[in-house]
Amino acid sequence: KILGLELGADDYMTKPFDMRELLARLKSLLRR
């Protein structure tokens, strides 16, 4: 997780994930 963030990822989700949470995180990222 730290490696991905240090390389430039803005957020991180572990499978399996809830599609609603993924969409919510994407909307939040785009707003930022």
PDB file of all heavy atoms in Angstrom:
ATOM      1  N   LYS A   1       0.833  -1.200   0.000  1.00  0.00           N
ATOM      2  CA  LYS A   1       0.000   0.000   0.000  1.00  0.00           C
ATOM      3  C   LYS A   1       0.868   1.251   0.000  1.00  0.00           C
ATOM      4  O   LYS A   1       0.652   2.183  -0.782  1.00  0.00           O
ATOM      5  CB  LYS A   1      -0.917   0.008   1.224  1.00  0.00           C
ATOM      6  CG  LYS A   1      -1.874   1.194   1.256  1.00  0.00           C
ATOM      7  CD  LYS A   1      -2.762   1.157   2.486  1.00  0.00           C
ATOM      8  CE  LYS A   1      -3.742   0.018   2.440  1.00  0.00           C
ATOM      9  NZ  LYS A   1      -4.736   0.097   3.536  1.00  0.00           N
ATOM     10  N   ILE A   2       1.890   1.277   0.860  1.00  0.00           N
ATOM     11  CA  ILE A   2       2.797   2.430   0.934  1.00  0.00           C
ATOM     12  C   ILE A   2       3.549   2.611  -0.377  1.00  0.00           C
ATOM     13  O   ILE A   2       3.714   3.735  -0.858  1.00  0.00           O
ATOM     14  CB  ILE A   2       3.782   2.269   2.109  1.00  0.00           C
ATOM     15  CG1 ILE A   2       3.023   2.379   3.435  1.00  0.00           C
ATOM     16  CG2 ILE A   2       4.894   3.310   2.036  1.00  0.00           C
ATOM     17  CD1 ILE A   2       3.870   2.059   4.647  1.00  0.00           C
ATOM     18  N   LEU A   3       3.996   1.501  -0.972  1.00  0.00           N
ATOM     19  CA  LEU A   3       4.723   1.584  -2.244  1.00  0.00           C
ATOM     20  C   LEU A   3       3.866   2.244  -3.314  1.00  0.00           C
ATOM     21  O   LEU A   3       4.326   3.131  -4.038  1.00  0.00           O
ATOM     22  CB  LEU A   3       5.144   0.187  -2.697  1.00  0.00           C
ATOM     23  CG  LEU A   3       5.848   0.108  -4.064  1.00  0.00           C
ATOM     24  CD1 LEU A   3       7.109   0.967  -4.067  1.00  0.00           C
ATOM     25  CD2 LEU A   3       6.164  -1.340  -4.412  1.00  0.00           C
ATOM     26  N   GLY A   4       2.612   1.823  -3.412  1.00  0.00           N
ATOM     27  CA  GLY A   4       1.728   2.419  -4.411  1.00  0.00           C
ATOM     28  C   GLY A   4       1.525   3.903  -4.195  1.00  0.00           C
ATOM     29  O   GLY A   4       1.571   4.703  -5.132  1.00  0.00           O
ATOM     30  N   LEU A   5       1.320   4.308  -2.952  1.00  0.00           N
ATOM     31  CA  LEU A   5       1.114   5.726  -2.641  1.00  0.00           C
ATOM     32  C   LEU A   5       2.379   6.536  -2.896  1.00  0.00           C
ATOM     33  O   LEU A   5       2.320   7.666  -3.391  1.00  0.00           O
ATOM     34  CB  LEU A   5       0.656   5.878  -1.191  1.00  0.00           C
ATOM     35  CG  LEU A   5      -0.722   5.265  -0.873  1.00  0.00           C
ATOM     36  CD1 LEU A   5      -0.984   5.316   0.622  1.00  0.00           C
ATOM     37  CD2 LEU A   5      -1.827   5.981  -1.641  1.00  0.00           C
ATOM     38  N   GLU A   6       3.535   5.978  -2.576  1.00  0.00           N
ATOM     39  CA  GLU A   6       4.786   6.700  -2.798  1.00  0.00           C
ATOM     40  C   GLU A   6       5.099   6.860  -4.281  1.00  0.00           C
ATOM     41  O   GLU A   6       5.752   7.818  -4.687  1.00  0.00           O
ATOM     42  CB  GLU A   6       5.941   5.978  -2.095  1.00  0.00           C
ATOM     43  CG  GLU A   6       5.914   6.134  -0.579  1.00  0.00           C
ATOM     44  CD  GLU A   6       7.106   5.482   0.081  1.00  0.00           C
ATOM     45  OE1 GLU A   6       7.781   4.660  -0.569  1.00  0.00           O
ATOM     46  OE2 GLU A   6       7.365   5.795   1.264  1.00  0.00           O
ATOM     47  N   LEU A   7       4.619   5.927  -5.092  1.00  0.00           N
ATOM     48  CA  LEU A   7       4.848   6.010  -6.534  1.00  0.00           C
ATOM     49  C   LEU A   7       3.858   6.945  -7.227  1.00  0.00           C
ATOM     50  O   LEU A   7       3.967   7.170  -8.427  1.00  0.00           O
ATOM     51  CB  LEU A   7       4.769   4.615  -7.159  1.00  0.00           C
ATOM     52  CG  LEU A   7       5.949   3.686  -6.861  1.00  0.00           C
ATOM     53  CD1 LEU A   7       5.681   2.291  -7.398  1.00  0.00           C
ATOM     54  CD2 LEU A   7       7.240   4.244  -7.455  1.00  0.00           C
ATOM     55  N   GLY A   8       2.894   7.467  -6.476  1.00  0.00           N
ATOM     56  CA  GLY A   8       1.997   8.461  -7.053  1.00  0.00           C
ATOM     57  C   GLY A   8       0.527   8.142  -7.052  1.00  0.00           C
ATOM     58  O   GLY A   8      -0.280   8.937  -7.546  1.00  0.00           O
ATOM     59  N   ALA A   9       0.127   6.988  -6.519  1.00  0.00           N
ATOM     60  CA  ALA A   9      -1.304   6.685  -6.437  1.00  0.00           C
ATOM     61  C   ALA A   9      -1.973   7.647  -5.460  1.00  0.00           C
ATOM     62  O   ALA A   9      -1.372   8.069  -4.475  1.00  0.00           O
ATOM     63  CB  ALA A   9      -1.523   5.241  -5.986  1.00  0.00           C
ATOM     64  N   ASP A  10      -3.213   8.004  -5.744  1.00  0.00           N
ATOM     65  CA  ASP A  10      -3.953   8.927  -4.883  1.00  0.00           C
ATOM     66  C   ASP A  10      -4.794   8.197  -3.848  1.00  0.00           C
ATOM     67  O   ASP A  10      -5.103   8.748  -2.789  1.00  0.00           O
ATOM     68  CB  ASP A  10      -4.871   9.814  -5.735  1.00  0.00           C
ATOM     69  CG  ASP A  10      -4.082  10.661  -6.714  1.00  0.00           C
ATOM     70  OD1 ASP A  10      -3.514  11.666  -6.277  1.00  0.00           O
ATOM     71  OD2 ASP A  10      -4.032  10.294  -7.905  1.00  0.00           O
ATOM     72  N   ASP A  11      -5.177   6.959  -4.146  1.00  0.00           N
ATOM     73  CA  ASP A  11      -6.016   6.190  -3.227  1.00  0.00           C
ATOM     74  C   ASP A  11      -5.766   4.712  -3.490  1.00  0.00           C
ATOM     75  O   ASP A  11      -5.140   4.335  -4.499  1.00  0.00           O
ATOM     76  CB  ASP A  11      -7.490   6.543  -3.432  1.00  0.00           C
ATOM     77  CG  ASP A  11      -8.347   6.253  -2.200  1.00  0.00           C
ATOM     78  OD1 ASP A  11      -7.842   5.586  -1.266  1.00  0.00           O
ATOM     79  OD2 ASP A  11      -9.511   6.678  -2.177  1.00  0.00           O
ATOM     80  N   TYR A  12      -6.280   3.875  -2.615  1.00  0.00           N
ATOM     81  CA  TYR A  12      -5.933   2.465  -2.623  1.00  0.00           C
ATOM     82  C   TYR A  12      -7.119   1.659  -2.090  1.00  0.00           C
ATOM     83  O   TYR A  12      -7.640   1.971  -1.028  1.00  0.00           O
ATOM     84  CB  TYR A  12      -4.725   2.263  -1.702  1.00  0.00           C
ATOM     85  CG  TYR A  12      -3.907   1.032  -1.932  1.00  0.00           C
ATOM     86  CD1 TYR A  12      -2.683   1.098  -2.572  1.00  0.00           C
ATOM     87  CD2 TYR A  12      -4.342  -0.207  -1.479  1.00  0.00           C
ATOM     88  CE1 TYR A  12      -1.905  -0.028  -2.765  1.00  0.00           C
ATOM     89  CE2 TYR A  12      -3.586  -1.354  -1.669  1.00  0.00           C
ATOM     90  CZ  TYR A  12      -2.366  -1.254  -2.311  1.00  0.00           C
ATOM     91  OH  TYR A  12      -1.600  -2.372  -2.501  1.00  0.00           O
ATOM     92  N   MET A  13      -7.536   0.637  -2.840  1.00  0.00           N
ATOM     93  CA  MET A  13      -8.619  -0.232  -2.374  1.00  0.00           C
ATOM     94  C   MET A  13      -8.203  -1.684  -2.529  1.00  0.00           C
ATOM     95  O   MET A  13      -7.561  -2.063  -3.508  1.00  0.00           O
ATOM     96  CB  MET A  13      -9.905   0.031  -3.156  1.00  0.00           C
ATOM     97  CG  MET A  13     -10.528   1.383  -2.879  1.00  0.00           C
ATOM     98  SD  MET A  13     -12.192   1.544  -3.564  1.00  0.00           S
ATOM     99  CE  MET A  13     -13.112   0.421  -2.510  1.00  0.00           C
ATOM    100  N   THR A  14      -8.581  -2.475  -1.557  1.00  0.00           N
ATOM    101  CA  THR A  14      -8.244  -3.891  -1.553  1.00  0.00           C
ATOM    102  C   THR A  14      -9.440  -4.718  -2.009  1.00  0.00           C
ATOM    103  O   THR A  14     -10.565  -4.489  -1.581  1.00  0.00           O
ATOM    104  CB  THR A  14      -7.817  -4.328  -0.138  1.00  0.00           C
ATOM    105  OG1 THR A  14      -6.710  -3.532   0.289  1.00  0.00           O
ATOM    106  CG2 THR A  14      -7.405  -5.787  -0.128  1.00  0.00           C
ATOM    107  N   LYS A  15      -9.193  -5.668  -2.898  1.00  0.00           N
ATOM    108  CA  LYS A  15     -10.238  -6.583  -3.350  1.00  0.00           C
ATOM    109  C   LYS A  15     -10.543  -7.597  -2.251  1.00  0.00           C
ATOM    110  O   LYS A  15      -9.624  -8.014  -1.539  1.00  0.00           O
ATOM    111  CB  LYS A  15      -9.796  -7.323  -4.611  1.00  0.00           C
ATOM    112  CG  LYS A  15      -9.488  -6.440  -5.797  1.00  0.00           C
ATOM    113  CD  LYS A  15      -8.974  -7.317  -6.933  1.00  0.00           C
ATOM    114  CE  LYS A  15      -8.579  -6.496  -8.134  1.00  0.00           C
ATOM    115  NZ  LYS A  15      -8.004  -7.333  -9.212  1.00  0.00           N
ATOM    116  N   PRO A  16     -11.792  -8.031  -2.141  1.00  0.00           N
ATOM    117  CA  PRO A  16     -12.986  -7.541  -2.858  1.00  0.00           C
ATOM    118  C   PRO A  16     -13.420  -6.191  -2.303  1.00  0.00           C
ATOM    119  O   PRO A  16     -13.190  -5.896  -1.131  1.00  0.00           O
ATOM    120  CB  PRO A  16     -14.024  -8.618  -2.571  1.00  0.00           C
ATOM    121  CG  PRO A  16     -13.608  -9.183  -1.251  1.00  0.00           C
ATOM    122  CD  PRO A  16     -12.113  -9.132  -1.219  1.00  0.00           C
ATOM    123  N   PHE A  17     -14.036  -5.379  -3.147  1.00  0.00           N
ATOM    124  CA  PHE A  17     -14.445  -4.043  -2.742  1.00  0.00           C
ATOM    125  C   PHE A  17     -15.907  -3.824  -3.106  1.00  0.00           C
ATOM    126  O   PHE A  17     -16.474  -4.527  -3.945  1.00  0.00           O
ATOM    127  CB  PHE A  17     -13.583  -2.978  -3.420  1.00  0.00           C
ATOM    128  CG  PHE A  17     -13.594  -3.071  -4.923  1.00  0.00           C
ATOM    129  CD1 PHE A  17     -14.571  -2.429  -5.670  1.00  0.00           C
ATOM    130  CD2 PHE A  17     -12.620  -3.809  -5.591  1.00  0.00           C
ATOM    131  CE1 PHE A  17     -14.590  -2.524  -7.053  1.00  0.00           C
ATOM    132  CE2 PHE A  17     -12.631  -3.911  -6.978  1.00  0.00           C
ATOM    133  CZ  PHE A  17     -13.616  -3.269  -7.699  1.00  0.00           C
ATOM    134  N   ASP A  18     -16.498  -2.850  -2.465  1.00  0.00           N
ATOM    135  CA  ASP A  18     -17.878  -2.473  -2.758  1.00  0.00           C
ATOM    136  C   ASP A  18     -17.866  -1.436  -3.880  1.00  0.00           C
ATOM    137  O   ASP A  18     -17.159  -0.425  -3.787  1.00  0.00           O
ATOM    138  CB  ASP A  18     -18.538  -1.897  -1.501  1.00  0.00           C
ATOM    139  CG  ASP A  18     -20.029  -1.634  -1.715  1.00  0.00           C
ATOM    140  OD1 ASP A  18     -20.351  -0.693  -2.472  1.00  0.00           O
ATOM    141  OD2 ASP A  18     -20.846  -2.347  -1.122  1.00  0.00           O
ATOM    142  N   MET A  19     -18.626  -1.676  -4.940  1.00  0.00           N
ATOM    143  CA  MET A  19     -18.636  -0.771  -6.089  1.00  0.00           C
ATOM    144  C   MET A  19     -19.071   0.638  -5.687  1.00  0.00           C
ATOM    145  O   MET A  19     -18.552   1.634  -6.204  1.00  0.00           O
ATOM    146  CB  MET A  19     -19.567  -1.314  -7.172  1.00  0.00           C
ATOM    147  CG  MET A  19     -19.448  -0.585  -8.501  1.00  0.00           C
ATOM    148  SD  MET A  19     -17.841  -0.834  -9.299  1.00  0.00           S
ATOM    149  CE  MET A  19     -18.022  -2.558  -9.822  1.00  0.00           C
ATOM    150  N   ARG A  20     -19.983   0.745  -4.743  1.00  0.00           N
ATOM    151  CA  ARG A  20     -20.453   2.068  -4.309  1.00  0.00           C
ATOM    152  C   ARG A  20     -19.327   2.843  -3.641  1.00  0.00           C
ATOM    153  O   ARG A  20     -19.207   4.059  -3.817  1.00  0.00           O
ATOM    154  CB  ARG A  20     -21.640   1.917  -3.359  1.00  0.00           C
ATOM    155  CG  ARG A  20     -22.905   1.365  -4.014  1.00  0.00           C
ATOM    156  CD  ARG A  20     -23.937   0.998  -2.982  1.00  0.00           C
ATOM    157  NE  ARG A  20     -23.454  -0.068  -2.102  1.00  0.00           N
ATOM    158  CZ  ARG A  20     -24.154  -0.571  -1.095  1.00  0.00           C
ATOM    159  NH1 ARG A  20     -25.363  -0.105  -0.830  1.00  0.00           N
ATOM    160  NH2 ARG A  20     -23.642  -1.536  -0.348  1.00  0.00           N
ATOM    161  N   GLU A  21     -18.497   2.128  -2.884  1.00  0.00           N
ATOM    162  CA  GLU A  21     -17.371   2.804  -2.243  1.00  0.00           C
ATOM    163  C   GLU A  21     -16.342   3.247  -3.280  1.00  0.00           C
ATOM    164  O   GLU A  21     -15.797   4.343  -3.187  1.00  0.00           O
ATOM    165  CB  GLU A  21     -16.700   1.890  -1.226  1.00  0.00           C
ATOM    166  CG  GLU A  21     -15.537   2.575  -0.498  1.00  0.00           C
ATOM    167  CD  GLU A  21     -14.839   1.683   0.498  1.00  0.00           C
ATOM    168  OE1 GLU A  21     -15.262   0.520   0.687  1.00  0.00           O
ATOM    169  OE2 GLU A  21     -13.842   2.152   1.097  1.00  0.00           O
ATOM    170  N   LEU A  22     -16.086   2.416  -4.283  1.00  0.00           N
ATOM    171  CA  LEU A  22     -15.149   2.792  -5.346  1.00  0.00           C
ATOM    172  C   LEU A  22     -15.630   4.051  -6.058  1.00  0.00           C
ATOM    173  O   LEU A  22     -14.849   4.984  -6.292  1.00  0.00           O
ATOM    174  CB  LEU A  22     -15.000   1.648  -6.346  1.00  0.00           C
ATOM    175  CG  LEU A  22     -14.129   1.948  -7.575  1.00  0.00           C
ATOM    176  CD1 LEU A  22     -12.709   2.299  -7.173  1.00  0.00           C
ATOM    177  CD2 LEU A  22     -14.143   0.757  -8.543  1.00  0.00           C
ATOM    178  N   LEU A  23     -16.914   4.111  -6.399  1.00  0.00           N
ATOM    179  CA  LEU A  23     -17.460   5.284  -7.073  1.00  0.00           C
ATOM    180  C   LEU A  23     -17.378   6.521  -6.181  1.00  0.00           C
ATOM    181  O   LEU A  23     -17.070   7.618  -6.656  1.00  0.00           O
ATOM    182  CB  LEU A  23     -18.911   5.024  -7.489  1.00  0.00           C
ATOM    183  CG  LEU A  23     -19.119   3.966  -8.580  1.00  0.00           C
ATOM    184  CD1 LEU A  23     -20.597   3.668  -8.759  1.00  0.00           C
ATOM    185  CD2 LEU A  23     -18.488   4.412  -9.897  1.00  0.00           C
ATOM    186  N   ALA A  24     -17.636   6.357  -4.894  1.00  0.00           N
ATOM    187  CA  ALA A  24     -17.561   7.479  -3.960  1.00  0.00           C
ATOM    188  C   ALA A  24     -16.136   8.005  -3.857  1.00  0.00           C
ATOM    189  O   ALA A  24     -15.910   9.215  -3.834  1.00  0.00           O
ATOM    190  CB  ALA A  24     -18.068   7.059  -2.583  1.00  0.00           C
ATOM    191  N   ARG A  25     -15.173   7.094  -3.805  1.00  0.00           N
ATOM    192  CA  ARG A  25     -13.778   7.515  -3.726  1.00  0.00           C
ATOM    193  C   ARG A  25     -13.330   8.204  -5.013  1.00  0.00           C
ATOM    194  O   ARG A  25     -12.565   9.165  -4.974  1.00  0.00           O
ATOM    195  CB  ARG A  25     -12.883   6.314  -3.430  1.00  0.00           C
ATOM    196  CG  ARG A  25     -13.067   5.738  -2.034  1.00  0.00           C
ATOM    197  CD  ARG A  25     -11.945   4.805  -1.690  1.00  0.00           C
ATOM    198  NE  ARG A  25     -12.120   4.198  -0.383  1.00  0.00           N
ATOM    199  CZ  ARG A  25     -11.115   3.719   0.333  1.00  0.00           C
ATOM    200  NH1 ARG A  25      -9.882   3.778  -0.131  1.00  0.00           N
ATOM    201  NH2 ARG A  25     -11.339   3.171   1.514  1.00  0.00           N
ATOM    202  N   LEU A  26     -13.807   7.713  -6.144  1.00  0.00           N
ATOM    203  CA  LEU A  26     -13.472   8.334  -7.421  1.00  0.00           C
ATOM    204  C   LEU A  26     -14.031   9.754  -7.483  1.00  0.00           C
ATOM    205  O   LEU A  26     -13.327  10.688  -7.893  1.00  0.00           O
ATOM    206  CB  LEU A  26     -14.031   7.493  -8.567  1.00  0.00           C
ATOM    207  CG  LEU A  26     -13.841   8.083  -9.970  1.00  0.00           C
ATOM    208  CD1 LEU A  26     -12.365   8.222 -10.311  1.00  0.00           C
ATOM    209  CD2 LEU A  26     -14.573   7.227 -11.003  1.00  0.00           C
ATOM    210  N   LYS A  27     -15.284   9.932  -7.101  1.00  0.00           N
ATOM    211  CA  LYS A  27     -15.885  11.270  -7.105  1.00  0.00           C
ATOM    212  C   LYS A  27     -15.107  12.210  -6.198  1.00  0.00           C
ATOM    213  O   LYS A  27     -14.865  13.382  -6.538  1.00  0.00           O
ATOM    214  CB  LYS A  27     -17.348  11.193  -6.664  1.00  0.00           C
ATOM    215  CG  LYS A  27     -18.268  10.537  -7.673  1.00  0.00           C
ATOM    216  CD  LYS A  27     -19.686  10.431  -7.137  1.00  0.00           C
ATOM    217  CE  LYS A  27     -20.596   9.709  -8.129  1.00  0.00           C
ATOM    218  NZ  LYS A  27     -21.973   9.554  -7.611  1.00  0.00           N
ATOM    219  N   SER A  28     -14.709  11.734  -5.030  1.00  0.00           N
ATOM    220  CA  SER A  28     -13.940  12.551  -4.098  1.00  0.00           C
ATOM    221  C   SER A  28     -12.594  12.937  -4.697  1.00  0.00           C
ATOM    222  O   SER A  28     -12.156  14.085  -4.585  1.00  0.00           O
ATOM    223  CB  SER A  28     -13.737  11.784  -2.790  1.00  0.00           C
ATOM    224  OG  SER A  28     -12.950  12.530  -1.881  1.00  0.00           O
ATOM    225  N   LEU A  29     -11.934  11.990  -5.347  1.00  0.00           N
ATOM    226  CA  LEU A  29     -10.643  12.265  -5.984  1.00  0.00           C
ATOM    227  C   LEU A  29     -10.776  13.309  -7.080  1.00  0.00           C
ATOM    228  O   LEU A  29      -9.978  14.253  -7.161  1.00  0.00           O
ATOM    229  CB  LEU A  29     -10.069  10.962  -6.558  1.00  0.00           C
ATOM    230  CG  LEU A  29      -8.829  11.094  -7.447  1.00  0.00           C
ATOM    231  CD1 LEU A  29      -7.684  11.754  -6.694  1.00  0.00           C
ATOM    232  CD2 LEU A  29      -8.422   9.722  -7.978  1.00  0.00           C
ATOM    233  N   LEU A  30     -11.790  13.177  -7.927  1.00  0.00           N
ATOM    234  CA  LEU A  30     -11.985  14.126  -9.019  1.00  0.00           C
ATOM    235  C   LEU A  30     -12.298  15.526  -8.480  1.00  0.00           C
ATOM    236  O   LEU A  30     -11.848  16.522  -9.054  1.00  0.00           O
ATOM    237  CB  LEU A  30     -13.099  13.642  -9.945  1.00  0.00           C
ATOM    238  CG  LEU A  30     -12.765  12.381 -10.759  1.00  0.00           C
ATOM    239  CD1 LEU A  30     -14.012  11.857 -11.458  1.00  0.00           C
ATOM    240  CD2 LEU A  30     -11.664  12.670 -11.771  1.00  0.00           C
ATOM    241  N   ARG A  31     -13.059  15.611  -7.392  1.00  0.00           N
ATOM    242  CA  ARG A  31     -13.340  16.923  -6.791  1.00  0.00           C
ATOM    243  C   ARG A  31     -12.053  17.575  -6.285  1.00  0.00           C
ATOM    244  O   ARG A  31     -11.845  18.773  -6.475  1.00  0.00           O
ATOM    245  CB  ARG A  31     -14.343  16.775  -5.643  1.00  0.00           C
ATOM    246  CG  ARG A  31     -15.780  16.605  -6.079  1.00  0.00           C
ATOM    247  CD  ARG A  31     -16.748  16.872  -4.919  1.00  0.00           C
ATOM    248  NE  ARG A  31     -16.514  15.963  -3.800  1.00  0.00           N
ATOM    249  CZ  ARG A  31     -17.142  14.809  -3.645  1.00  0.00           C
ATOM    250  NH1 ARG A  31     -18.029  14.411  -4.535  1.00  0.00           N
ATOM    251  NH2 ARG A  31     -16.903  14.045  -2.591  1.00  0.00           N
ATOM    252  N   ARG A  32     -11.195  16.788  -5.646  1.00  0.00           N
ATOM    253  CA  ARG A  32      -9.925  17.325  -5.153  1.00  0.00           C
ATOM    254  C   ARG A  32      -9.065  17.822  -6.299  1.00  0.00           C
ATOM    255  O   ARG A  32      -8.423  18.874  -6.203  1.00  0.00           O
ATOM    256  CB  ARG A  32      -9.173  16.261  -4.353  1.00  0.00           C
ATOM    257  CG  ARG A  32      -9.841  15.848  -3.056  1.00  0.00           C
ATOM    258  CD  ARG A  32      -8.870  15.139  -2.128  1.00  0.00           C
ATOM    259  NE  ARG A  32      -8.229  13.986  -2.727  1.00  0.00           N
ATOM    260  CZ  ARG A  32      -8.710  12.749  -2.687  1.00  0.00           C
ATOM    261  NH1 ARG A  32      -9.873  12.520  -2.080  1.00  0.00           N
ATOM    262  NH2 ARG A  32      -8.050  11.748  -3.229  1.00  0.00           N
TER     263      ARG A  32
END
